[in-house]
Amino acid sequence: MSKRIQFSKTGDSGVLEWVDTAPKAPGSGEVRIANKAVGLNFIDIYFRTGLYPAPSMPSGLGTEGAGVVDAVGEGVTHLKEGDRVAYAQGPLGAYAEMHTLPATKVIKLPDFIDFETAAASMLKGLTVQYLLRQTYALKGGETILFHAAAGGVGSIACQWAKALGVKLIGTVSSKEKADLAMANGAWATINYSEENVVERVRELTNGEMCDVVYDSVGKDTWEMSLDCLKPRSLMVSFGNASGPVDGVNIGILNQKGALFVTRPSLNGYADTRERFEMMCDDFFGMIKSGKLHIDVANRYPLQDAGKAQDALQSRQTTGSTVLLP
């Protein structure tokens, strides 16, 4: 038997249960991983609350982790028992001591990346990879607005944008978070609890506004984000921290400057093994180059996953959080 976090109904963090479970033997094309560290992400809260429906109940939780291959199913040739690996996609259930998932979703870890770093950054790092290198292929010289710039995704985005020669304006909720975003390479920050974001963007850009806005907040920032864009530029809505964007009249995109909008996800970009490996190579290469440092700022025992989620949801955290089995 091993332990896992599960939930049998949606709701607040109190619905999470710490239970015994029999580890699933890997089937054809699958591997079982003994987790050494597990990543914490906002998408986990979306599943727990029911914003994203779980396939069945009771359900495991989490899609990101790192550890050692414990067992290998039939037909798997690129992994073997004992390999150091990480993953960011796959079936729910990463909040566990053991997790079984398709081998195509698992990547070998290079020696220079430890388990905590991998678990803290795989989903976030690959998210930044597709946002900055694929959704809009930044070439350098652009000005972008990135919400939640001191969070796990934002901290990586600040560094990557700087490495690309891009001016990243980051929104934050406090001076401490502003200092962190600037230390990570943001060109400027805006404290949305004290400043008008649109007016400040206009000042910072001399009225030019932004080439791209990256918005993981959702409902509360949707129209404000649109107002920060140049005509014919791109709004990237990639999260729902304040709730989903709905009831949108598409005509508003025309009214605000013939804007483009997209709602991407990691699964939409890392949809083949080849693309997944390419994205991992790019991300790992940035870490190896020293241009990216992953801030594992918070650690919780796996059984305290509810406390960790509450801290993330209430914006008490900076950097990345890992859960330790």
C-alpha atoms as a PDB file:
ATOM      1  CA  MET A   1       0.000   0.000   0.000  1.00  0.00           C
ATOM      2  CA  SER A   2       0.995   3.619  -0.518  1.00  0.00           C
ATOM      3  CA  LYS A   3      -0.539   7.003   0.277  1.00  0.00           C
ATOM      4  CA  ARG A   4      -2.252   9.561  -1.932  1.00  0.00           C
ATOM      5  CA  ILE A   5      -4.394  12.677  -1.773  1.00  0.00           C
ATOM      6  CA  GLN A   6      -7.879  12.238  -3.248  1.00  0.00           C
ATOM      7  CA  PHE A   7     -11.251  13.980  -3.201  1.00  0.00           C
ATOM      8  CA  SER A   8     -14.738  12.463  -3.382  1.00  0.00           C
ATOM      9  CA  LYS A   9     -16.621  15.730  -3.872  1.00  0.00           C
ATOM     10  CA  THR A  10     -15.713  19.212  -5.063  1.00  0.00           C
ATOM     11  CA  GLY A  11     -15.262  22.113  -2.689  1.00  0.00           C
ATOM     12  CA  ASP A  12     -12.696  23.922  -0.567  1.00  0.00           C
ATOM     13  CA  SER A  13      -9.442  22.359   0.591  1.00  0.00           C
ATOM     14  CA  GLY A  14     -11.318  20.483   3.306  1.00  0.00           C
ATOM     15  CA  VAL A  15     -12.521  17.928   0.735  1.00  0.00           C
ATOM     16  CA  LEU A  16      -8.981  16.591   0.278  1.00  0.00           C
ATOM     17  CA  GLU A  17      -8.393  13.179   1.863  1.00  0.00           C
ATOM     18  CA  TRP A  18      -5.089  11.450   2.762  1.00  0.00           C
ATOM     19  CA  VAL A  19      -5.749   7.775   2.095  1.00  0.00           C
ATOM     20  CA  ASP A  20      -4.110   4.383   1.620  1.00  0.00           C
ATOM     21  CA  THR A  21      -4.190   3.037  -1.920  1.00  0.00           C
ATOM     22  CA  ALA A  22      -2.810   0.081  -3.831  1.00  0.00           C
ATOM     23  CA  PRO A  23      -0.258   1.295  -6.408  1.00  0.00           C
ATOM     24  CA  LYS A  24      -1.489   0.629  -9.944  1.00  0.00           C
ATOM     25  CA  ALA A  25       0.674  -1.760 -11.948  1.00  0.00           C
ATOM     26  CA  PRO A  26       1.750  -0.174 -15.245  1.00  0.00           C
ATOM     27  CA  GLY A  27      -0.109  -1.425 -18.299  1.00  0.00           C
ATOM     28  CA  SER A  28       1.130  -1.464 -21.855  1.00  0.00           C
ATOM     29  CA  GLY A  29       2.919   1.807 -22.630  1.00  0.00           C
ATOM     30  CA  GLU A  30       2.866   2.960 -19.008  1.00  0.00           C
ATOM     31  CA  VAL A  31       5.388   3.469 -16.210  1.00  0.00           C
ATOM     32  CA  ARG A  32       4.994   3.718 -12.455  1.00  0.00           C
ATOM     33  CA  ILE A  33       6.977   6.440 -10.719  1.00  0.00           C
ATOM     34  CA  ALA A  34       7.992   6.652  -7.074  1.00  0.00           C
ATOM     35  CA  ASN A  35       7.566  10.370  -6.544  1.00  0.00           C
ATOM     36  CA  LYS A  36      10.315  12.291  -4.765  1.00  0.00           C
ATOM     37  CA  ALA A  37       8.615  15.686  -5.179  1.00  0.00           C
ATOM     38  CA  VAL A  38       5.242  16.852  -6.526  1.00  0.00           C
ATOM     39  CA  GLY A  39       4.387  20.194  -8.113  1.00  0.00           C
ATOM     40  CA  LEU A  40       1.606  22.499  -6.892  1.00  0.00           C
ATOM     41  CA  ASN A  41      -0.330  24.426  -9.550  1.00  0.00           C
ATOM     42  CA  PHE A  42      -3.501  26.480  -9.873  1.00  0.00           C
ATOM     43  CA  ILE A  43      -4.984  23.867 -12.198  1.00  0.00           C
ATOM     44  CA  ASP A  44      -5.087  21.507  -9.206  1.00  0.00           C
ATOM     45  CA  ILE A  45      -7.438  23.932  -7.470  1.00  0.00           C
ATOM     46  CA  TYR A  46      -9.587  24.151 -10.621  1.00  0.00           C
ATOM     47  CA  PHE A  47     -10.151  20.371 -10.462  1.00  0.00           C
ATOM     48  CA  ARG A  48     -10.753  20.369  -6.697  1.00  0.00           C
ATOM     49  CA  THR A  49     -13.399  23.103  -6.947  1.00  0.00           C
ATOM     50  CA  GLY A  50     -15.082  21.617 -10.009  1.00  0.00           C
ATOM     51  CA  LEU A  51     -14.179  24.402 -12.439  1.00  0.00           C
ATOM     52  CA  TYR A  52     -12.546  21.600 -14.442  1.00  0.00           C
ATOM     53  CA  PRO A  53     -14.460  18.301 -14.067  1.00  0.00           C
ATOM     54  CA  ALA A  54     -12.568  15.250 -12.823  1.00  0.00           C
ATOM     55  CA  PRO A  55     -13.118  12.127 -14.960  1.00  0.00           C
ATOM     56  CA  SER A  56     -14.529  10.150 -12.005  1.00  0.00           C
ATOM     57  CA  MET A  57     -14.895  10.183  -8.225  1.00  0.00           C
ATOM     58  CA  PRO A  58     -13.077   9.633  -5.969  1.00  0.00           C
ATOM     59  CA  SER A  59     -10.312  11.310  -7.931  1.00  0.00           C
ATOM     60  CA  GLY A  60      -6.600  11.758  -7.501  1.00  0.00           C
ATOM     61  CA  LEU A  61      -5.147  15.202  -7.968  1.00  0.00           C
ATOM     62  CA  GLY A  62      -2.150  16.816  -9.625  1.00  0.00           C
ATOM     63  CA  THR A  63      -0.352  16.298 -12.936  1.00  0.00           C
ATOM     64  CA  GLU A  64       3.258  17.280 -12.153  1.00  0.00           C
ATOM     65  CA  GLY A  65       6.030  15.486 -10.343  1.00  0.00           C
ATOM     66  CA  ALA A  66       9.513  14.025 -10.368  1.00  0.00           C
ATOM     67  CA  GLY A  67      10.980  10.793  -9.100  1.00  0.00           C
ATOM     68  CA  VAL A  68      12.371   7.409 -10.032  1.00  0.00           C
ATOM     69  CA  VAL A  69      10.855   4.851 -12.402  1.00  0.00           C
ATOM     70  CA  ASP A  70       9.598   2.029 -10.171  1.00  0.00           C
ATOM     71  CA  ALA A  71       8.082  -0.297 -12.801  1.00  0.00           C
ATOM     72  CA  VAL A  72       7.831  -0.371 -16.599  1.00  0.00           C
ATOM     73  CA  GLY A  73       4.939  -1.681 -18.667  1.00  0.00           C
ATOM     74  CA  GLU A  74       5.078  -3.676 -21.875  1.00  0.00           C
ATOM     75  CA  GLY A  75       6.289  -1.834 -24.962  1.00  0.00           C
ATOM     76  CA  VAL A  76       8.156   0.946 -23.155  1.00  0.00           C
ATOM     77  CA  THR A  77      11.671   1.227 -24.569  1.00  0.00           C
ATOM     78  CA  HIS A  78      12.898   4.735 -23.715  1.00  0.00           C
ATOM     79  CA  LEU A  79      12.667   4.310 -19.927  1.00  0.00           C
ATOM     80  CA  LYS A  80      13.841   1.671 -17.456  1.00  0.00           C
ATOM     81  CA  GLU A  81      13.587   1.031 -13.718  1.00  0.00           C
ATOM     82  CA  GLY A  82      15.767   3.426 -11.749  1.00  0.00           C
ATOM     83  CA  ASP A  83      15.690   6.267 -14.285  1.00  0.00           C
ATOM     84  CA  ARG A  84      15.387   9.778 -12.851  1.00  0.00           C
ATOM     85  CA  VAL A  85      12.343  11.328 -14.531  1.00  0.00           C
ATOM     86  CA  ALA A  86       9.778  14.121 -14.461  1.00  0.00           C
ATOM     87  CA  TYR A  87       6.340  14.764 -15.925  1.00  0.00           C
ATOM     88  CA  ALA A  88       3.859  17.615 -16.264  1.00  0.00           C
ATOM     89  CA  GLN A  89       0.872  16.028 -17.999  1.00  0.00           C
ATOM     90  CA  GLY A  90      -1.158  12.886 -17.824  1.00  0.00           C
ATOM     91  CA  PRO A  91      -3.963  11.504 -15.663  1.00  0.00           C
ATOM     92  CA  LEU A  92      -4.743  13.107 -12.326  1.00  0.00           C
ATOM     93  CA  GLY A  93      -2.937  11.473  -9.441  1.00  0.00           C
ATOM     94  CA  ALA A  94       0.475  13.083  -8.992  1.00  0.00           C
ATOM     95  CA  TYR A  95      -0.370  13.944  -5.351  1.00  0.00           C
ATOM     96  CA  ALA A  96       0.766  10.459  -4.347  1.00  0.00           C
ATOM     97  CA  GLU A  97       3.740   8.408  -3.283  1.00  0.00           C
ATOM     98  CA  MET A  98       3.335   6.328  -6.468  1.00  0.00           C
ATOM     99  CA  HIS A  99       1.871   7.463  -9.792  1.00  0.00           C
ATOM    100  CA  THR A 100       1.250   5.443 -12.954  1.00  0.00           C
ATOM    101  CA  LEU A 101       0.956   7.277 -16.272  1.00  0.00           C
ATOM    102  CA  PRO A 102       1.699   6.952 -20.001  1.00  0.00           C
ATOM    103  CA  ALA A 103       5.430   6.734 -20.671  1.00  0.00           C
ATOM    104  CA  THR A 104       5.037   9.223 -23.529  1.00  0.00           C
ATOM    105  CA  LYS A 105       4.333  11.921 -20.929  1.00  0.00           C
ATOM    106  CA  VAL A 106       7.552  11.227 -18.996  1.00  0.00           C
ATOM    107  CA  ILE A 107      10.979  12.723 -19.695  1.00  0.00           C
ATOM    108  CA  LYS A 108      14.384  11.689 -18.369  1.00  0.00           C
ATOM    109  CA  LEU A 109      15.969  14.306 -16.131  1.00  0.00           C
ATOM    110  CA  PRO A 110      19.441  15.579 -16.962  1.00  0.00           C
ATOM    111  CA  ASP A 111      21.945  15.280 -14.117  1.00  0.00           C
ATOM    112  CA  PHE A 112      21.986  19.032 -13.471  1.00  0.00           C
ATOM    113  CA  ILE A 113      18.286  19.149 -12.471  1.00  0.00           C
ATOM    114  CA  ASP A 114      17.269  17.757  -9.062  1.00  0.00           C
ATOM    115  CA  PHE A 115      13.861  16.334  -8.170  1.00  0.00           C
ATOM    116  CA  GLU A 116      12.542  19.411  -6.334  1.00  0.00           C
ATOM    117  CA  THR A 117      13.577  21.759  -9.132  1.00  0.00           C
ATOM    118  CA  ALA A 118      11.910  19.520 -11.713  1.00  0.00           C
ATOM    119  CA  ALA A 119       8.680  19.105  -9.748  1.00  0.00           C
ATOM    120  CA  ALA A 120       8.545  22.835  -9.075  1.00  0.00           C
ATOM    121  CA  SER A 121       9.081  23.861 -12.677  1.00  0.00           C
ATOM    122  CA  MET A 122       8.069  21.335 -15.334  1.00  0.00           C
ATOM    123  CA  LEU A 123       4.507  22.563 -15.831  1.00  0.00           C
ATOM    124  CA  LYS A 124       5.409  26.197 -15.279  1.00  0.00           C
ATOM    125  CA  GLY A 125       8.548  26.083 -17.423  1.00  0.00           C
ATOM    126  CA  LEU A 126       6.845  24.340 -20.326  1.00  0.00           C
ATOM    127  CA  THR A 127       3.980  26.833 -20.003  1.00  0.00           C
ATOM    128  CA  VAL A 128       6.412  29.742 -20.363  1.00  0.00           C
ATOM    129  CA  GLN A 129       8.090  27.926 -23.258  1.00  0.00           C
ATOM    130  CA  TYR A 130       4.908  27.753 -25.307  1.00  0.00           C
ATOM    131  CA  LEU A 131       3.752  31.238 -24.246  1.00  0.00           C
ATOM    132  CA  LEU A 132       6.945  33.086 -25.181  1.00  0.00           C
ATOM    133  CA  ARG A 133       8.302  30.846 -27.938  1.00  0.00           C
ATOM    134  CA  GLN A 134       5.191  29.497 -29.688  1.00  0.00           C
ATOM    135  CA  THR A 135       1.896  31.256 -28.877  1.00  0.00           C
ATOM    136  CA  TYR A 136       3.716  34.474 -29.776  1.00  0.00           C
ATOM    137  CA  ALA A 137       7.285  33.862 -30.892  1.00  0.00           C
ATOM    138  CA  LEU A 138       9.041  36.749 -29.168  1.00  0.00           C
ATOM    139  CA  LYS A 139      12.120  37.880 -31.056  1.00  0.00           C
ATOM    140  CA  GLY A 140      13.373  40.682 -28.776  1.00  0.00           C
ATOM    141  CA  GLY A 141      12.410  44.320 -28.537  1.00  0.00           C
ATOM    142  CA  GLU A 142       8.740  43.694 -27.791  1.00  0.00           C
ATOM    143  CA  THR A 143       6.939  45.091 -24.744  1.00  0.00           C
ATOM    144  CA  ILE A 144       4.648  42.641 -22.964  1.00  0.00           C
ATOM    145  CA  LEU A 145       2.406  42.681 -19.896  1.00  0.00           C
ATOM    146  CA  PHE A 146       2.527  39.598 -17.671  1.00  0.00           C
ATOM    147  CA  HIS A 147       0.082  39.252 -14.781  1.00  0.00           C
ATOM    148  CA  ALA A 148       1.128  37.627 -11.479  1.00  0.00           C
ATOM    149  CA  ALA A 149       4.774  38.261 -12.292  1.00  0.00           C
ATOM    150  CA  ALA A 150       6.062  37.092  -8.895  1.00  0.00           C
ATOM    151  CA  GLY A 151       4.307  33.726  -9.000  1.00  0.00           C
ATOM    152  CA  GLY A 152       5.724  30.429 -10.205  1.00  0.00           C
ATOM    153  CA  VAL A 153       5.002  30.971 -13.912  1.00  0.00           C
ATOM    154  CA  GLY A 154       5.689  34.700 -13.708  1.00  0.00           C
ATOM    155  CA  SER A 155       9.084  34.244 -12.052  1.00  0.00           C
ATOM    156  CA  ILE A 156      10.218  32.049 -14.946  1.00  0.00           C
ATOM    157  CA  ALA A 157       8.648  34.363 -17.532  1.00  0.00           C
ATOM    158  CA  CYS A 158      10.528  37.392 -16.164  1.00  0.00           C
ATOM    159  CA  GLN A 159      13.859  35.624 -16.550  1.00  0.00           C
ATOM    160  CA  TRP A 160      13.114  34.136 -19.969  1.00  0.00           C
ATOM    161  CA  ALA A 161      11.808  37.433 -21.340  1.00  0.00           C
ATOM    162  CA  LYS A 162      14.942  39.228 -20.192  1.00  0.00           C
ATOM    163  CA  ALA A 163      17.102  36.587 -21.862  1.00  0.00           C
ATOM    164  CA  LEU A 164      15.193  37.208 -25.096  1.00  0.00           C
ATOM    165  CA  GLY A 165      15.643  40.988 -24.890  1.00  0.00           C
ATOM    166  CA  VAL A 166      11.941  41.595 -24.226  1.00  0.00           C
ATOM    167  CA  LYS A 167      10.583  44.347 -21.961  1.00  0.00           C
ATOM    168  CA  LEU A 168       8.289  42.571 -19.496  1.00  0.00           C
ATOM    169  CA  ILE A 169       5.951  44.701 -17.403  1.00  0.00           C
ATOM    170  CA  GLY A 170       4.776  42.582 -14.489  1.00  0.00           C
ATOM    171  CA  THR A 171       1.699  43.114 -12.340  1.00  0.00           C
ATOM    172  CA  VAL A 172       2.060  42.341  -8.629  1.00  0.00           C
ATOM    173  CA  SER A 173       0.132  42.888  -5.409  1.00  0.00           C
ATOM    174  CA  SER A 174       2.861  44.190  -3.083  1.00  0.00           C
ATOM    175  CA  LYS A 175       6.218  45.925  -2.953  1.00  0.00           C
ATOM    176  CA  GLU A 176       7.884  42.664  -1.912  1.00  0.00           C
ATOM    177  CA  LYS A 177       6.530  40.923  -5.003  1.00  0.00           C
ATOM    178  CA  ALA A 178       7.558  43.869  -7.163  1.00  0.00           C
ATOM    179  CA  ASP A 179      11.110  43.587  -5.836  1.00  0.00           C
ATOM    180  CA  LEU A 180      11.130  39.859  -6.609  1.00  0.00           C
ATOM    181  CA  ALA A 181       9.859  40.369 -10.167  1.00  0.00           C
ATOM    182  CA  MET A 182      12.486  43.035 -10.797  1.00  0.00           C
ATOM    183  CA  ALA A 183      15.207  40.785  -9.408  1.00  0.00           C
ATOM    184  CA  ASN A 184      14.047  38.112 -11.844  1.00  0.00           C
ATOM    185  CA  GLY A 185      14.420  40.437 -14.815  1.00  0.00           C
ATOM    186  CA  ALA A 186      11.155  42.331 -15.215  1.00  0.00           C
ATOM    187  CA  TRP A 187      11.645  45.642 -17.037  1.00  0.00           C
ATOM    188  CA  ALA A 188       9.017  47.329 -14.841  1.00  0.00           C
ATOM    189  CA  THR A 189       6.294  46.382 -12.378  1.00  0.00           C
ATOM    190  CA  ILE A 190       2.829  47.681 -11.550  1.00  0.00           C
ATOM    191  CA  ASN A 191       1.312  47.204  -8.097  1.00  0.00           C
ATOM    192  CA  TYR A 192      -2.333  46.733  -9.061  1.00  0.00           C
ATOM    193  CA  SER A 193      -3.476  47.239  -5.447  1.00  0.00           C
ATOM    194  CA  GLU A 194      -2.189  50.828  -5.578  1.00  0.00           C
ATOM    195  CA  GLU A 195      -1.895  51.795  -9.264  1.00  0.00           C
ATOM    196  CA  ASN A 196      -4.166  51.913 -12.282  1.00  0.00           C
ATOM    197  CA  VAL A 197      -2.688  49.250 -14.560  1.00  0.00           C
ATOM    198  CA  VAL A 198      -3.860  50.706 -17.884  1.00  0.00           C
ATOM    199  CA  GLU A 199      -2.708  54.232 -17.046  1.00  0.00           C
ATOM    200  CA  ARG A 200       0.655  52.966 -15.805  1.00  0.00           C
ATOM    201  CA  VAL A 201       1.185  50.872 -18.949  1.00  0.00           C
ATOM    202  CA  ARG A 202       0.422  53.958 -21.016  1.00  0.00           C
ATOM    203  CA  GLU A 203       3.022  55.944 -19.056  1.00  0.00           C
ATOM    204  CA  LEU A 204       5.682  53.247 -19.268  1.00  0.00           C
ATOM    205  CA  THR A 205       5.240  52.781 -23.021  1.00  0.00           C
ATOM    206  CA  ASN A 206       4.773  56.461 -23.919  1.00  0.00           C
ATOM    207  CA  GLY A 207       1.301  55.612 -25.144  1.00  0.00           C
ATOM    208  CA  GLU A 208       2.411  52.751 -27.398  1.00  0.00           C
ATOM    209  CA  MET A 209       0.926  50.015 -25.143  1.00  0.00           C
ATOM    210  CA  CYS A 210       1.855  46.313 -25.349  1.00  0.00           C
ATOM    211  CA  ASP A 211       2.481  43.808 -28.119  1.00  0.00           C
ATOM    212  CA  VAL A 212       1.133  40.934 -26.017  1.00  0.00           C
ATOM    213  CA  VAL A 213      -0.686  40.560 -22.699  1.00  0.00           C
ATOM    214  CA  TYR A 214      -0.340  37.246 -20.846  1.00  0.00           C
ATOM    215  CA  ASP A 215      -3.232  36.860 -18.413  1.00  0.00           C
ATOM    216  CA  SER A 216      -3.624  33.925 -16.018  1.00  0.00           C
ATOM    217  CA  VAL A 217      -6.017  35.798 -13.723  1.00  0.00           C
ATOM    218  CA  GLY A 218      -9.101  35.599 -15.941  1.00  0.00           C
ATOM    219  CA  LYS A 219     -12.403  37.188 -15.085  1.00  0.00           C
ATOM    220  CA  ASP A 220     -11.161  40.124 -12.961  1.00  0.00           C
ATOM    221  CA  THR A 221      -8.546  41.359 -15.445  1.00  0.00           C
ATOM    222  CA  TRP A 222     -10.055  40.533 -18.847  1.00  0.00           C
ATOM    223  CA  GLU A 223     -11.175  43.993 -20.033  1.00  0.00           C
ATOM    224  CA  MET A 224      -8.297  45.773 -18.332  1.00  0.00           C
ATOM    225  CA  SER A 225      -5.887  43.479 -20.153  1.00  0.00           C
ATOM    226  CA  LEU A 226      -7.507  44.271 -23.488  1.00  0.00           C
ATOM    227  CA  ASP A 227      -7.051  47.988 -22.769  1.00  0.00           C
ATOM    228  CA  CYS A 228      -3.293  47.483 -22.382  1.00  0.00           C
ATOM    229  CA  LEU A 229      -2.830  46.268 -25.962  1.00  0.00           C
ATOM    230  CA  LYS A 230      -1.752  47.992 -29.147  1.00  0.00           C
ATOM    231  CA  PRO A 231      -4.150  47.763 -32.104  1.00  0.00           C
ATOM    232  CA  ARG A 232      -3.973  44.380 -33.864  1.00  0.00           C
ATOM    233  CA  SER A 233      -1.980  42.807 -31.030  1.00  0.00           C
ATOM    234  CA  LEU A 234      -2.524  39.615 -29.035  1.00  0.00           C
ATOM    235  CA  MET A 235      -4.352  38.806 -25.810  1.00  0.00           C
ATOM    236  CA  VAL A 236      -3.234  35.462 -24.336  1.00  0.00           C
ATOM    237  CA  SER A 237      -5.663  34.235 -21.679  1.00  0.00           C
ATOM    238  CA  PHE A 238      -4.103  31.141 -20.131  1.00  0.00           C
ATOM    239  CA  GLY A 239      -5.652  30.833 -16.671  1.00  0.00           C
ATOM    240  CA  ASN A 240      -8.660  31.458 -14.453  1.00  0.00           C
ATOM    241  CA  ALA A 241      -7.293  32.382 -11.010  1.00  0.00           C
ATOM    242  CA  SER A 242     -10.198  34.804 -10.407  1.00  0.00           C
ATOM    243  CA  GLY A 243     -12.745  32.731 -12.326  1.00  0.00           C
ATOM    244  CA  PRO A 244     -13.311  31.927 -16.002  1.00  0.00           C
ATOM    245  CA  VAL A 245     -13.796  34.563 -18.671  1.00  0.00           C
ATOM    246  CA  ASP A 246     -17.325  34.080 -20.007  1.00  0.00           C
ATOM    247  CA  GLY A 247     -20.134  36.031 -21.619  1.00  0.00           C
ATOM    248  CA  VAL A 248     -17.669  37.813 -23.901  1.00  0.00           C
ATOM    249  CA  ASN A 249     -19.032  39.731 -26.875  1.00  0.00           C
ATOM    250  CA  ILE A 250     -16.468  39.065 -29.583  1.00  0.00           C
ATOM    251  CA  GLY A 251     -17.217  42.492 -31.029  1.00  0.00           C
ATOM    252  CA  ILE A 252     -15.240  44.026 -28.171  1.00  0.00           C
ATOM    253  CA  LEU A 253     -12.061  42.851 -29.896  1.00  0.00           C
ATOM    254  CA  ASN A 254     -12.932  45.069 -32.852  1.00  0.00           C
ATOM    255  CA  GLN A 255     -13.905  48.001 -30.656  1.00  0.00           C
ATOM    256  CA  LYS A 256     -10.592  47.908 -28.798  1.00  0.00           C
ATOM    257  CA  GLY A 257      -8.402  47.793 -31.894  1.00  0.00           C
ATOM    258  CA  ALA A 258      -9.003  44.711 -34.074  1.00  0.00           C
ATOM    259  CA  LEU A 259      -7.360  42.569 -31.408  1.00  0.00           C
ATOM    260  CA  PHE A 260      -6.495  38.881 -31.501  1.00  0.00           C
ATOM    261  CA  VAL A 261      -7.211  36.545 -28.572  1.00  0.00           C
ATOM    262  CA  THR A 262      -6.212  32.968 -27.798  1.00  0.00           C
ATOM    263  CA  ARG A 263      -6.813  30.528 -24.931  1.00  0.00           C
ATOM    264  CA  PRO A 264      -3.875  28.095 -25.031  1.00  0.00           C
ATOM    265  CA  SER A 265      -2.890  25.202 -22.763  1.00  0.00           C
ATOM    266  CA  LEU A 266       0.088  22.902 -22.353  1.00  0.00           C
ATOM    267  CA  ASN A 267      -1.868  19.946 -23.715  1.00  0.00           C
ATOM    268  CA  GLY A 268      -2.599  21.960 -26.829  1.00  0.00           C
ATOM    269  CA  TYR A 269       1.094  22.490 -27.525  1.00  0.00           C
ATOM    270  CA  ALA A 270       2.833  19.384 -26.125  1.00  0.00           C
ATOM    271  CA  ASP A 271       0.427  17.186 -28.079  1.00  0.00           C
ATOM    272  CA  THR A 272       3.014  14.844 -29.610  1.00  0.00           C
ATOM    273  CA  ARG A 273       6.097  13.160 -28.178  1.00  0.00           C
ATOM    274  CA  GLU A 274       8.286  15.118 -30.589  1.00  0.00           C
ATOM    275  CA  ARG A 275       6.866  18.487 -29.534  1.00  0.00           C
ATOM    276  CA  PHE A 276       7.052  17.527 -25.849  1.00  0.00           C
ATOM    277  CA  GLU A 277      10.728  16.605 -26.161  1.00  0.00           C
ATOM    278  CA  MET A 278      11.493  19.797 -28.115  1.00  0.00           C
ATOM    279  CA  MET A 279       9.862  21.928 -25.419  1.00  0.00           C
ATOM    280  CA  CYS A 280      11.694  20.078 -22.626  1.00  0.00           C
ATOM    281  CA  ASP A 281      15.023  20.461 -24.439  1.00  0.00           C
ATOM    282  CA  ASP A 282      14.448  24.208 -24.796  1.00  0.00           C
ATOM    283  CA  PHE A 283      13.464  24.594 -21.138  1.00  0.00           C
ATOM    284  CA  PHE A 284      16.254  22.402 -19.764  1.00  0.00           C
ATOM    285  CA  GLY A 285      18.737  24.255 -21.962  1.00  0.00           C
ATOM    286  CA  MET A 286      17.700  27.572 -20.433  1.00  0.00           C
ATOM    287  CA  ILE A 287      18.339  26.169 -16.950  1.00  0.00           C
ATOM    288  CA  LYS A 288      21.725  24.750 -17.969  1.00  0.00           C
ATOM    289  CA  SER A 289      22.736  28.088 -19.487  1.00  0.00           C
ATOM    290  CA  GLY A 290      22.185  29.828 -16.163  1.00  0.00           C
ATOM    291  CA  LYS A 291      19.604  32.169 -17.687  1.00  0.00           C
ATOM    292  CA  LEU A 292      16.831  30.516 -15.660  1.00  0.00           C
ATOM    293  CA  HIS A 293      16.898  29.903 -11.920  1.00  0.00           C
ATOM    294  CA  ILE A 294      13.977  28.007 -10.409  1.00  0.00           C
ATOM    295  CA  ASP A 295      12.938  29.400  -7.035  1.00  0.00           C
ATOM    296  CA  VAL A 296      11.621  26.521  -4.909  1.00  0.00           C
ATOM    297  CA  ALA A 297      10.332  28.925  -2.307  1.00  0.00           C
ATOM    298  CA  ASN A 298       7.824  26.759  -0.428  1.00  0.00           C
ATOM    299  CA  ARG A 299       7.826  23.128   0.715  1.00  0.00           C
ATOM    300  CA  TYR A 300       4.963  21.213   2.352  1.00  0.00           C
ATOM    301  CA  PRO A 301       4.535  17.566   3.341  1.00  0.00           C
ATOM    302  CA  LEU A 302       2.285  15.895   0.767  1.00  0.00           C
ATOM    303  CA  GLN A 303      -0.385  15.233   3.399  1.00  0.00           C
ATOM    304  CA  ASP A 304      -0.636  19.026   3.910  1.00  0.00           C
ATOM    305  CA  ALA A 305      -1.613  19.658   0.285  1.00  0.00           C
ATOM    306  CA  GLY A 306      -4.741  21.507   1.388  1.00  0.00           C
ATOM    307  CA  LYS A 307      -2.711  24.050   3.366  1.00  0.00           C
ATOM    308  CA  ALA A 308      -0.426  24.537   0.381  1.00  0.00           C
ATOM    309  CA  GLN A 309      -3.366  25.105  -1.960  1.00  0.00           C
ATOM    310  CA  ASP A 310      -4.907  27.640   0.424  1.00  0.00           C
ATOM    311  CA  ALA A 311      -1.625  29.567   0.526  1.00  0.00           C
ATOM    312  CA  LEU A 312      -1.420  29.581  -3.274  1.00  0.00           C
ATOM    313  CA  GLN A 313      -5.049  30.597  -3.743  1.00  0.00           C
ATOM    314  CA  SER A 314      -4.770  33.473  -1.265  1.00  0.00           C
ATOM    315  CA  ARG A 315      -1.634  34.765  -3.037  1.00  0.00           C
ATOM    316  CA  GLN A 316       0.549  34.246   0.020  1.00  0.00           C
ATOM    317  CA  THR A 317       3.251  32.493  -2.006  1.00  0.00           C
ATOM    318  CA  THR A 318       5.995  33.627  -4.355  1.00  0.00           C
ATOM    319  CA  GLY A 319       8.019  31.413  -6.635  1.00  0.00           C
ATOM    320  CA  SER A 320       7.145  27.711  -6.789  1.00  0.00           C
ATOM    321  CA  THR A 321       5.817  25.256  -4.215  1.00  0.00           C
ATOM    322  CA  VAL A 322       6.556  21.541  -3.941  1.00  0.00           C
ATOM    323  CA  LEU A 323       4.823  18.811  -1.965  1.00  0.00           C
ATOM    324  CA  LEU A 324       7.143  16.185  -0.481  1.00  0.00           C
ATOM    325  CA  PRO A 325       5.925  12.566  -0.086  1.00  0.00           C
END
